[in-house]
Structures are given as C-alpha cells and as structure tokens.
Amino acid sequence: MNVSPWAYAPRPDTRISTVRLGVWLFLASEAMFFGSLFSAYVLLRTGAHAWPDATSLGAARALLIPTIMLLLATRSVRNQLGLTAVFGVLFLLAKLLAFARLLDHGQHPASNLLIACWFVMSGLHWLHVAGGVGATVWVMQSKRTVTAPHHAERLHGLWLYWCFIDVVWLAILVSFYFI
C-alpha cells in the first residue's frame, strides 16, 4: 500500500491532514453554492409583489420524520455506517414521495416562485444527500483497504459532510416555513 502519510497524519506545514483540509475546502465551496441559492431565494422573495404561503408546500410537520432521519444519519456516522446509509436512503425516499405528492396536487415548478425555489433548493439538497449515501458506502467498503488512522480521517470527513447537509436542510426549512 503506497499512501502518503499526510493523507491521515497531520502535515508538518499545516498541522492538519490532507483529508481534513480537502473536506473543509470542499465544504467551503458547497457553502458558497448553497449561499448563492439562499441569496437568490431572498432576492426573489423580497422583490415579489406577492409571495405564496408556505402551506402550498404541505404541512411543516410532514417534514419532521425526514428531518429526524437525516439527523439520525449524521448521528450514526461515528459508529454505524450501515445505519447512516439506511437513514440517508429513507430520507431520499421520503423526499421523493413528498415531491410526487406536490406534483400530484398540481404544484410544479411553473406554478409559482415559491414552488420553483422549493424544488430547486430541496432537490439540490436531495442530490447532496444521495452523494452522502454514496460516500458512506464507499467509506464502508474501503475500510478493509486502508489503515485504521486513514479510515478514522475518512470517517471524520464524512461526519463533517453529514453535519453540513443537516445545517443546510435546517436552513431550508427555516427559510421556507418560518421566515
């Protein structure tokens, strides 16, 4: 196995591992990406003459179970990667059902700006959760091929990613339902 020790051990110049540095840089770019989406949402909402009520998205309490699943996925990263993947997939399925329910009720992106923003932001979040599930499966499978310290660094990076996904989801919920 020919792996740079800096992948999992602190580098002498930065005193941080390459894995952690890479994850933080990636999360910074994702924060800018979602920040631009939130900025667009705020500009569209404040610039609109009238803004639809969030009840057209469905009841906020209907999002409680998917939110709990997402939080449980993050909570289980440290000890049970299999549970993380299962909770992530359950969140994805719950959101697909919610999207289908909206479409069945005639609420599609062309209906109004609120629905369009909801589909864009929660849909892109959905893709990020799917990426988190994929990364979780990859870390689970690669445990046998890397050293224990390297695997621990990957787990830490994965945990940071799931925490970020939680924060984005909570920000989406607050922005659409409570502000």
N, C-alpha and C. Protein backbone atom coordinates (compact mmCIF):
# COMPACT_ATOMS: atom_id res chain seq x y z
N MET A 1 0.85 -1.17 0.00
CA MET A 1 0.00 0.00 0.00
C MET A 1 0.90 1.23 0.00
N ASN A 2 0.81 2.03 -1.03
CA ASN A 2 1.65 3.21 -1.18
C ASN A 2 0.78 4.45 -1.02
N VAL A 3 0.59 4.89 0.22
CA VAL A 3 -0.25 6.04 0.52
C VAL A 3 0.59 7.06 1.27
N SER A 4 0.44 8.30 0.89
CA SER A 4 1.14 9.36 1.60
C SER A 4 0.69 9.40 3.05
N PRO A 5 1.62 9.46 3.98
CA PRO A 5 1.20 9.50 5.39
C PRO A 5 0.40 10.76 5.70
N TRP A 6 0.53 11.81 4.86
CA TRP A 6 -0.18 13.04 5.14
C TRP A 6 -1.66 12.94 4.81
N ALA A 7 -2.06 11.85 4.19
CA ALA A 7 -3.49 11.66 3.93
C ALA A 7 -4.23 11.53 5.25
N TYR A 8 -3.58 10.94 6.25
CA TYR A 8 -4.26 10.72 7.51
C TYR A 8 -3.49 11.26 8.72
N ALA A 9 -2.23 11.61 8.55
CA ALA A 9 -1.44 12.19 9.63
C ALA A 9 -1.31 13.69 9.36
N PRO A 10 -1.20 14.48 10.41
CA PRO A 10 -1.05 15.93 10.19
C PRO A 10 0.19 16.25 9.36
N ARG A 11 0.03 17.14 8.41
CA ARG A 11 1.16 17.58 7.60
C ARG A 11 2.04 18.48 8.47
N PRO A 12 3.34 18.46 8.23
CA PRO A 12 4.22 19.30 9.05
C PRO A 12 4.02 20.80 8.79
N ASP A 13 3.60 21.16 7.59
CA ASP A 13 3.45 22.58 7.27
C ASP A 13 2.11 23.16 7.72
N THR A 14 1.05 22.38 7.70
CA THR A 14 -0.27 22.91 8.06
C THR A 14 -0.80 22.37 9.38
N ARG A 15 -0.17 21.30 9.88
CA ARG A 15 -0.59 20.61 11.10
C ARG A 15 -2.03 20.09 11.01
N ILE A 16 -2.45 19.78 9.78
CA ILE A 16 -3.77 19.20 9.54
C ILE A 16 -3.61 18.15 8.44
N SER A 17 -4.40 17.11 8.50
CA SER A 17 -4.27 16.06 7.48
C SER A 17 -4.82 16.55 6.15
N THR A 18 -4.36 15.92 5.09
CA THR A 18 -4.83 16.26 3.75
C THR A 18 -6.33 15.98 3.62
N VAL A 19 -6.78 14.90 4.25
CA VAL A 19 -8.21 14.58 4.20
C VAL A 19 -9.04 15.71 4.81
N ARG A 20 -8.66 16.14 5.99
CA ARG A 20 -9.43 17.21 6.66
C ARG A 20 -9.37 18.52 5.88
N LEU A 21 -8.20 18.85 5.38
CA LEU A 21 -8.08 20.08 4.59
C LEU A 21 -8.95 20.00 3.35
N GLY A 22 -8.91 18.86 2.67
CA GLY A 22 -9.74 18.69 1.47
C GLY A 22 -11.22 18.78 1.77
N VAL A 23 -11.64 18.17 2.86
CA VAL A 23 -13.07 18.21 3.23
C VAL A 23 -13.48 19.64 3.56
N TRP A 24 -12.66 20.36 4.33
CA TRP A 24 -13.02 21.74 4.67
C TRP A 24 -13.08 22.63 3.43
N LEU A 25 -12.15 22.44 2.49
CA LEU A 25 -12.19 23.23 1.26
C LEU A 25 -13.43 22.89 0.44
N PHE A 26 -13.77 21.62 0.37
CA PHE A 26 -14.98 21.21 -0.33
C PHE A 26 -16.22 21.80 0.33
N LEU A 27 -16.30 21.74 1.66
CA LEU A 27 -17.46 22.29 2.36
C LEU A 27 -17.55 23.81 2.18
N ALA A 28 -16.41 24.47 2.09
CA ALA A 28 -16.43 25.91 1.84
C ALA A 28 -17.04 26.21 0.47
N SER A 29 -16.68 25.42 -0.53
CA SER A 29 -17.25 25.63 -1.86
C SER A 29 -18.75 25.31 -1.86
N GLU A 30 -19.15 24.29 -1.12
CA GLU A 30 -20.57 23.95 -1.02
C GLU A 30 -21.35 25.04 -0.27
N ALA A 31 -20.73 25.63 0.73
CA ALA A 31 -21.37 26.73 1.46
C ALA A 31 -21.60 27.91 0.52
N MET A 32 -20.64 28.18 -0.35
CA MET A 32 -20.83 29.26 -1.32
C MET A 32 -21.92 28.92 -2.31
N PHE A 33 -21.98 27.67 -2.73
CA PHE A 33 -23.02 27.23 -3.66
C PHE A 33 -24.41 27.41 -3.05
N PHE A 34 -24.60 26.85 -1.86
CA PHE A 34 -25.91 26.99 -1.22
C PHE A 34 -26.17 28.43 -0.80
N GLY A 35 -25.12 29.16 -0.45
CA GLY A 35 -25.29 30.58 -0.13
C GLY A 35 -25.83 31.36 -1.31
N SER A 36 -25.38 31.03 -2.51
CA SER A 36 -25.90 31.72 -3.70
C SER A 36 -27.37 31.36 -3.92
N LEU A 37 -27.74 30.12 -3.64
CA LEU A 37 -29.15 29.73 -3.77
C LEU A 37 -30.02 30.47 -2.75
N PHE A 38 -29.54 30.57 -1.52
CA PHE A 38 -30.29 31.30 -0.50
C PHE A 38 -30.38 32.78 -0.86
N SER A 39 -29.31 33.34 -1.40
CA SER A 39 -29.34 34.74 -1.83
C SER A 39 -30.36 34.96 -2.93
N ALA A 40 -30.40 34.06 -3.90
CA ALA A 40 -31.39 34.17 -4.98
C ALA A 40 -32.80 34.06 -4.42
N TYR A 41 -33.02 33.15 -3.48
CA TYR A 41 -34.33 32.99 -2.86
C TYR A 41 -34.75 34.28 -2.15
N VAL A 42 -33.84 34.85 -1.39
CA VAL A 42 -34.16 36.09 -0.66
C VAL A 42 -34.47 37.22 -1.64
N LEU A 43 -33.68 37.34 -2.69
CA LEU A 43 -33.93 38.40 -3.68
C LEU A 43 -35.26 38.20 -4.40
N LEU A 44 -35.56 36.97 -4.76
CA LEU A 44 -36.84 36.70 -5.41
C LEU A 44 -38.00 36.97 -4.46
N ARG A 45 -37.86 36.58 -3.22
CA ARG A 45 -38.94 36.75 -2.25
C ARG A 45 -39.16 38.21 -1.91
N THR A 46 -38.10 38.95 -1.69
CA THR A 46 -38.27 40.36 -1.33
C THR A 46 -38.68 41.21 -2.53
N GLY A 47 -38.35 40.77 -3.73
CA GLY A 47 -38.70 41.53 -4.92
C GLY A 47 -40.09 41.22 -5.47
N ALA A 48 -40.71 40.18 -4.95
CA ALA A 48 -42.04 39.80 -5.46
C ALA A 48 -43.12 40.70 -4.86
N HIS A 49 -44.13 41.03 -5.68
CA HIS A 49 -45.26 41.83 -5.18
C HIS A 49 -46.08 41.04 -4.18
N ALA A 50 -46.25 39.77 -4.44
CA ALA A 50 -46.98 38.89 -3.53
C ALA A 50 -46.22 37.57 -3.46
N TRP A 51 -46.21 36.97 -2.29
CA TRP A 51 -45.49 35.71 -2.11
C TRP A 51 -46.47 34.68 -1.58
N PRO A 52 -46.52 33.51 -2.21
CA PRO A 52 -47.45 32.47 -1.76
C PRO A 52 -47.14 32.00 -0.34
N ASP A 53 -48.16 31.49 0.31
CA ASP A 53 -48.00 30.96 1.66
C ASP A 53 -47.29 29.60 1.58
N ALA A 54 -46.45 29.31 2.56
CA ALA A 54 -45.69 28.06 2.56
C ALA A 54 -46.57 26.83 2.71
N THR A 55 -47.84 27.02 3.08
CA THR A 55 -48.73 25.85 3.21
C THR A 55 -48.95 25.18 1.86
N SER A 56 -48.68 25.88 0.76
CA SER A 56 -48.80 25.24 -0.55
C SER A 56 -47.74 24.15 -0.75
N LEU A 57 -46.70 24.17 0.09
CA LEU A 57 -45.68 23.13 0.04
C LEU A 57 -46.08 21.90 0.85
N GLY A 58 -47.13 22.03 1.63
CA GLY A 58 -47.53 20.96 2.53
C GLY A 58 -47.24 21.39 3.96
N ALA A 59 -47.74 20.62 4.89
CA ALA A 59 -47.55 20.94 6.30
C ALA A 59 -46.09 20.75 6.71
N ALA A 60 -45.61 21.67 7.52
CA ALA A 60 -44.23 21.58 8.00
C ALA A 60 -44.02 20.31 8.83
N ARG A 61 -45.06 19.89 9.55
CA ARG A 61 -44.90 18.69 10.38
C ARG A 61 -44.67 17.44 9.55
N ALA A 62 -45.06 17.46 8.26
CA ALA A 62 -44.82 16.31 7.38
C ALA A 62 -43.32 16.14 7.12
N LEU A 63 -42.56 17.18 7.35
CA LEU A 63 -41.11 17.11 7.14
C LEU A 63 -40.36 16.70 8.40
N LEU A 64 -41.09 16.49 9.48
CA LEU A 64 -40.45 16.13 10.74
C LEU A 64 -39.77 14.77 10.65
N ILE A 65 -40.45 13.77 10.10
CA ILE A 65 -39.86 12.43 10.02
C ILE A 65 -38.63 12.41 9.10
N PRO A 66 -38.70 12.99 7.88
CA PRO A 66 -37.47 13.02 7.08
C PRO A 66 -36.33 13.77 7.77
N THR A 67 -36.65 14.84 8.49
CA THR A 67 -35.63 15.59 9.20
C THR A 67 -34.99 14.74 10.29
N ILE A 68 -35.80 14.00 11.02
CA ILE A 68 -35.25 13.10 12.05
C ILE A 68 -34.37 12.03 11.41
N MET A 69 -34.79 11.51 10.26
CA MET A 69 -33.97 10.50 9.56
C MET A 69 -32.61 11.08 9.17
N LEU A 70 -32.62 12.32 8.71
CA LEU A 70 -31.37 12.96 8.31
C LEU A 70 -30.47 13.17 9.53
N LEU A 71 -31.05 13.61 10.64
CA LEU A 71 -30.26 13.80 11.86
C LEU A 71 -29.72 12.48 12.40
N LEU A 72 -30.51 11.43 12.30
CA LEU A 72 -30.05 10.10 12.73
C LEU A 72 -28.92 9.59 11.83
N ALA A 73 -28.99 9.91 10.55
CA ALA A 73 -27.91 9.52 9.64
C ALA A 73 -26.59 10.14 10.10
N THR A 74 -26.63 11.40 10.46
CA THR A 74 -25.42 12.09 10.92
C THR A 74 -24.96 11.52 12.25
N ARG A 75 -25.89 11.27 13.12
CA ARG A 75 -25.55 10.74 14.46
C ARG A 75 -24.87 9.38 14.38
N SER A 76 -25.23 8.57 13.40
CA SER A 76 -24.71 7.21 13.33
C SER A 76 -23.42 7.09 12.53
N VAL A 77 -22.89 8.19 11.99
CA VAL A 77 -21.66 8.11 11.17
C VAL A 77 -20.50 7.55 11.97
N ARG A 78 -20.36 7.94 13.21
CA ARG A 78 -19.18 7.53 14.00
C ARG A 78 -19.17 6.03 14.33
N ASN A 79 -20.35 5.42 14.54
CA ASN A 79 -20.37 4.02 14.99
C ASN A 79 -21.00 3.05 14.00
N GLN A 80 -21.98 3.46 13.25
CA GLN A 80 -22.75 2.53 12.41
C GLN A 80 -22.93 3.10 11.00
N LEU A 81 -21.96 2.90 10.14
CA LEU A 81 -22.07 3.43 8.79
C LEU A 81 -23.24 2.83 8.03
N GLY A 82 -23.54 1.58 8.31
CA GLY A 82 -24.68 0.94 7.66
C GLY A 82 -25.97 1.67 7.99
N LEU A 83 -26.14 2.07 9.24
CA LEU A 83 -27.33 2.84 9.64
C LEU A 83 -27.36 4.20 8.97
N THR A 84 -26.18 4.80 8.84
CA THR A 84 -26.12 6.10 8.15
C THR A 84 -26.66 5.97 6.74
N ALA A 85 -26.22 4.95 6.03
CA ALA A 85 -26.70 4.74 4.66
C ALA A 85 -28.20 4.46 4.64
N VAL A 86 -28.68 3.65 5.57
CA VAL A 86 -30.12 3.33 5.62
C VAL A 86 -30.94 4.58 5.90
N PHE A 87 -30.55 5.36 6.89
CA PHE A 87 -31.30 6.58 7.20
C PHE A 87 -31.23 7.58 6.05
N GLY A 88 -30.08 7.65 5.39
CA GLY A 88 -29.96 8.53 4.23
C GLY A 88 -30.89 8.11 3.11
N VAL A 89 -30.96 6.82 2.84
CA VAL A 89 -31.87 6.32 1.78
C VAL A 89 -33.32 6.55 2.18
N LEU A 90 -33.65 6.37 3.46
CA LEU A 90 -35.03 6.64 3.91
C LEU A 90 -35.39 8.11 3.72
N PHE A 91 -34.44 9.01 4.00
CA PHE A 91 -34.68 10.43 3.76
C PHE A 91 -34.94 10.67 2.27
N LEU A 92 -34.10 10.07 1.43
CA LEU A 92 -34.26 10.25 -0.02
C LEU A 92 -35.62 9.76 -0.49
N LEU A 93 -36.05 8.61 -0.01
CA LEU A 93 -37.36 8.08 -0.40
C LEU A 93 -38.49 8.97 0.11
N ALA A 94 -38.38 9.46 1.34
CA ALA A 94 -39.41 10.34 1.88
C ALA A 94 -39.52 11.62 1.06
N LYS A 95 -38.40 12.15 0.66
CA LYS A 95 -38.42 13.38 -0.15
C LYS A 95 -38.98 13.12 -1.55
N LEU A 96 -38.65 11.96 -2.13
CA LEU A 96 -39.23 11.62 -3.43
C LEU A 96 -40.75 11.53 -3.33
N LEU A 97 -41.25 10.93 -2.26
CA LEU A 97 -42.70 10.86 -2.05
C LEU A 97 -43.30 12.26 -1.87
N ALA A 98 -42.60 13.12 -1.17
CA ALA A 98 -43.09 14.49 -0.98
C ALA A 98 -43.11 15.24 -2.32
N PHE A 99 -42.07 15.07 -3.13
CA PHE A 99 -42.07 15.69 -4.46
C PHE A 99 -43.22 15.17 -5.30
N ALA A 100 -43.44 13.87 -5.27
CA ALA A 100 -44.53 13.26 -6.04
C ALA A 100 -45.88 13.77 -5.55
N ARG A 101 -46.04 13.93 -4.26
CA ARG A 101 -47.29 14.44 -3.70
C ARG A 101 -47.55 15.88 -4.18
N LEU A 102 -46.51 16.69 -4.18
CA LEU A 102 -46.67 18.06 -4.69
C LEU A 102 -47.09 18.05 -6.15
N LEU A 103 -46.42 17.24 -6.95
CA LEU A 103 -46.74 17.17 -8.37
C LEU A 103 -48.15 16.65 -8.60
N ASP A 104 -48.58 15.66 -7.81
CA ASP A 104 -49.94 15.13 -7.93
C ASP A 104 -51.00 16.17 -7.61
N HIS A 105 -50.65 17.11 -6.73
CA HIS A 105 -51.60 18.18 -6.37
C HIS A 105 -51.48 19.39 -7.30
N GLY A 106 -50.78 19.23 -8.40
CA GLY A 106 -50.66 20.31 -9.37
C GLY A 106 -49.65 21.38 -8.99
N GLN A 107 -48.83 21.11 -7.98
CA GLN A 107 -47.80 22.07 -7.55
C GLN A 107 -46.50 21.67 -8.23
N HIS A 108 -46.19 22.35 -9.33
CA HIS A 108 -44.95 22.07 -10.04
C HIS A 108 -44.16 23.36 -10.15
N PRO A 109 -42.90 23.29 -10.54
CA PRO A 109 -42.06 24.49 -10.54
C PRO A 109 -42.63 25.68 -11.30
N ALA A 110 -43.45 25.45 -12.31
CA ALA A 110 -44.03 26.57 -13.05
C ALA A 110 -45.23 27.18 -12.34
N SER A 111 -45.67 26.60 -11.22
CA SER A 111 -46.85 27.10 -10.50
C SER A 111 -46.61 28.49 -9.94
N ASN A 112 -45.52 28.65 -9.22
CA ASN A 112 -45.17 29.95 -8.65
C ASN A 112 -43.71 29.92 -8.20
N LEU A 113 -43.19 31.08 -7.81
CA LEU A 113 -41.78 31.17 -7.43
C LEU A 113 -41.47 30.37 -6.18
N LEU A 114 -42.39 30.32 -5.24
CA LEU A 114 -42.16 29.56 -4.01
C LEU A 114 -41.92 28.09 -4.34
N ILE A 115 -42.81 27.52 -5.14
CA ILE A 115 -42.67 26.10 -5.50
C ILE A 115 -41.39 25.89 -6.31
N ALA A 116 -41.09 26.81 -7.22
CA ALA A 116 -39.87 26.68 -8.03
C ALA A 116 -38.63 26.70 -7.14
N CYS A 117 -38.58 27.64 -6.20
CA CYS A 117 -37.44 27.71 -5.29
C CYS A 117 -37.35 26.46 -4.43
N TRP A 118 -38.50 25.95 -3.98
CA TRP A 118 -38.52 24.74 -3.16
C TRP A 118 -37.95 23.54 -3.93
N PHE A 119 -38.41 23.38 -5.17
CA PHE A 119 -37.92 22.25 -5.96
C PHE A 119 -36.42 22.38 -6.22
N VAL A 120 -35.95 23.58 -6.52
CA VAL A 120 -34.52 23.75 -6.81
C VAL A 120 -33.69 23.50 -5.56
N MET A 121 -34.03 24.16 -4.46
CA MET A 121 -33.19 24.06 -3.27
C MET A 121 -33.28 22.70 -2.60
N SER A 122 -34.50 22.19 -2.43
CA SER A 122 -34.61 20.89 -1.77
C SER A 122 -34.17 19.77 -2.73
N GLY A 123 -34.34 19.98 -4.03
CA GLY A 123 -33.86 18.99 -4.99
C GLY A 123 -32.34 18.90 -5.01
N LEU A 124 -31.67 20.05 -4.96
CA LEU A 124 -30.20 20.03 -4.92
C LEU A 124 -29.71 19.47 -3.59
N HIS A 125 -30.44 19.77 -2.52
CA HIS A 125 -30.09 19.17 -1.23
C HIS A 125 -30.26 17.65 -1.32
N TRP A 126 -31.33 17.20 -1.97
CA TRP A 126 -31.57 15.77 -2.16
C TRP A 126 -30.37 15.11 -2.85
N LEU A 127 -29.86 15.78 -3.89
CA LEU A 127 -28.69 15.24 -4.60
C LEU A 127 -27.47 15.16 -3.68
N HIS A 128 -27.33 16.12 -2.78
CA HIS A 128 -26.20 16.10 -1.85
C HIS A 128 -26.36 14.97 -0.83
N VAL A 129 -27.58 14.71 -0.42
CA VAL A 129 -27.80 13.57 0.49
C VAL A 129 -27.46 12.27 -0.25
N ALA A 130 -27.90 12.17 -1.51
CA ALA A 130 -27.56 10.98 -2.30
C ALA A 130 -26.05 10.82 -2.41
N GLY A 131 -25.34 11.92 -2.60
CA GLY A 131 -23.87 11.87 -2.62
C GLY A 131 -23.30 11.43 -1.28
N GLY A 132 -23.93 11.87 -0.19
CA GLY A 132 -23.51 11.45 1.14
C GLY A 132 -23.71 9.96 1.35
N VAL A 133 -24.81 9.44 0.84
CA VAL A 133 -25.05 7.99 0.94
C VAL A 133 -23.98 7.24 0.14
N GLY A 134 -23.68 7.73 -1.05
CA GLY A 134 -22.63 7.10 -1.86
C GLY A 134 -21.27 7.15 -1.17
N ALA A 135 -20.94 8.29 -0.58
CA ALA A 135 -19.67 8.42 0.13
C ALA A 135 -19.63 7.51 1.35
N THR A 136 -20.76 7.36 2.01
CA THR A 136 -20.84 6.47 3.17
C THR A 136 -20.57 5.03 2.77
N VAL A 137 -21.18 4.61 1.68
CA VAL A 137 -20.96 3.24 1.20
C VAL A 137 -19.50 3.06 0.80
N TRP A 138 -18.91 4.06 0.16
CA TRP A 138 -17.51 4.00 -0.24
C TRP A 138 -16.59 3.87 0.98
N VAL A 139 -16.83 4.68 2.01
CA VAL A 139 -16.00 4.61 3.22
C VAL A 139 -16.18 3.26 3.91
N MET A 140 -17.41 2.76 3.90
CA MET A 140 -17.67 1.45 4.49
C MET A 140 -16.88 0.36 3.75
N GLN A 141 -16.92 0.41 2.42
CA GLN A 141 -16.25 -0.61 1.61
C GLN A 141 -14.73 -0.49 1.66
N SER A 142 -14.22 0.73 1.80
CA SER A 142 -12.77 0.93 1.76
C SER A 142 -12.10 0.68 3.10
N LYS A 143 -12.87 0.37 4.12
CA LYS A 143 -12.27 0.15 5.45
C LYS A 143 -11.22 -0.95 5.42
N ARG A 144 -11.45 -1.96 4.61
CA ARG A 144 -10.52 -3.10 4.54
C ARG A 144 -9.22 -2.76 3.81
N THR A 145 -9.22 -1.71 3.02
CA THR A 145 -8.06 -1.43 2.17
C THR A 145 -7.16 -0.30 2.67
N VAL A 146 -7.56 0.36 3.75
CA VAL A 146 -6.74 1.46 4.28
C VAL A 146 -6.41 1.19 5.74
N THR A 147 -5.41 1.89 6.22
CA THR A 147 -5.02 1.73 7.62
C THR A 147 -6.09 2.34 8.53
N ALA A 148 -6.07 1.95 9.80
CA ALA A 148 -7.05 2.43 10.76
C ALA A 148 -7.02 3.97 10.91
N PRO A 149 -5.84 4.60 10.99
CA PRO A 149 -5.84 6.06 11.09
C PRO A 149 -6.42 6.74 9.84
N HIS A 150 -6.13 6.16 8.68
CA HIS A 150 -6.67 6.72 7.43
C HIS A 150 -8.19 6.59 7.41
N HIS A 151 -8.69 5.44 7.84
CA HIS A 151 -10.14 5.23 7.90
C HIS A 151 -10.78 6.21 8.89
N ALA A 152 -10.10 6.46 10.01
CA ALA A 152 -10.62 7.41 11.01
C ALA A 152 -10.73 8.81 10.43
N GLU A 153 -9.75 9.19 9.61
CA GLU A 153 -9.81 10.51 8.96
C GLU A 153 -10.98 10.57 7.97
N ARG A 154 -11.19 9.50 7.23
CA ARG A 154 -12.32 9.46 6.30
C ARG A 154 -13.64 9.55 7.05
N LEU A 155 -13.72 8.86 8.18
CA LEU A 155 -14.94 8.94 9.00
C LEU A 155 -15.19 10.36 9.48
N HIS A 156 -14.12 11.03 9.89
CA HIS A 156 -14.26 12.41 10.35
C HIS A 156 -14.74 13.32 9.21
N GLY A 157 -14.16 13.15 8.04
CA GLY A 157 -14.59 13.94 6.88
C GLY A 157 -16.03 13.67 6.52
N LEU A 158 -16.41 12.41 6.58
CA LEU A 158 -17.79 12.03 6.29
C LEU A 158 -18.74 12.63 7.31
N TRP A 159 -18.36 12.62 8.57
CA TRP A 159 -19.18 13.21 9.63
C TRP A 159 -19.35 14.72 9.40
N LEU A 160 -18.27 15.40 9.02
CA LEU A 160 -18.37 16.83 8.72
C LEU A 160 -19.34 17.08 7.58
N TYR A 161 -19.28 16.25 6.54
CA TYR A 161 -20.17 16.41 5.40
C TYR A 161 -21.63 16.23 5.81
N TRP A 162 -21.92 15.19 6.59
CA TRP A 162 -23.31 14.97 7.03
C TRP A 162 -23.78 16.10 7.94
N CYS A 163 -22.90 16.64 8.78
CA CYS A 163 -23.28 17.79 9.60
C CYS A 163 -23.63 18.98 8.72
N PHE A 164 -22.84 19.20 7.68
CA PHE A 164 -23.12 20.29 6.75
C PHE A 164 -24.47 20.10 6.08
N ILE A 165 -24.76 18.88 5.65
CA ILE A 165 -26.04 18.58 5.00
C ILE A 165 -27.20 18.84 5.95
N ASP A 166 -27.03 18.52 7.23
CA ASP A 166 -28.06 18.81 8.24
C ASP A 166 -28.31 20.30 8.36
N VAL A 167 -27.23 21.06 8.45
CA VAL A 167 -27.36 22.51 8.61
C VAL A 167 -28.06 23.12 7.40
N VAL A 168 -27.71 22.67 6.21
CA VAL A 168 -28.36 23.19 5.00
C VAL A 168 -29.85 22.86 5.02
N TRP A 169 -30.19 21.63 5.38
CA TRP A 169 -31.60 21.23 5.41
C TRP A 169 -32.38 22.07 6.42
N LEU A 170 -31.81 22.28 7.60
CA LEU A 170 -32.49 23.10 8.61
C LEU A 170 -32.64 24.54 8.13
N ALA A 171 -31.63 25.05 7.44
CA ALA A 171 -31.72 26.41 6.90
C ALA A 171 -32.81 26.50 5.83
N ILE A 172 -32.95 25.47 5.01
CA ILE A 172 -34.01 25.45 4.00
C ILE A 172 -35.38 25.46 4.69
N LEU A 173 -35.54 24.61 5.69
CA LEU A 173 -36.83 24.54 6.39
C LEU A 173 -37.17 25.87 7.05
N VAL A 174 -36.21 26.46 7.73
CA VAL A 174 -36.46 27.75 8.39
C VAL A 174 -36.80 28.81 7.35
N SER A 175 -36.06 28.86 6.26
CA SER A 175 -36.28 29.88 5.24
C SER A 175 -37.65 29.79 4.60
N PHE A 176 -38.12 28.57 4.37
CA PHE A 176 -39.39 28.41 3.67
C PHE A 176 -40.59 28.42 4.60
N TYR A 177 -40.44 27.90 5.81
CA TYR A 177 -41.60 27.73 6.68
C TYR A 177 -41.71 28.72 7.83
N PHE A 178 -40.59 29.29 8.25
CA PHE A 178 -40.63 30.09 9.47
C PHE A 178 -40.24 31.55 9.31
N ILE A 179 -39.85 31.94 8.12
CA ILE A 179 -39.48 33.35 7.91
C ILE A 179 -40.45 33.97 6.93
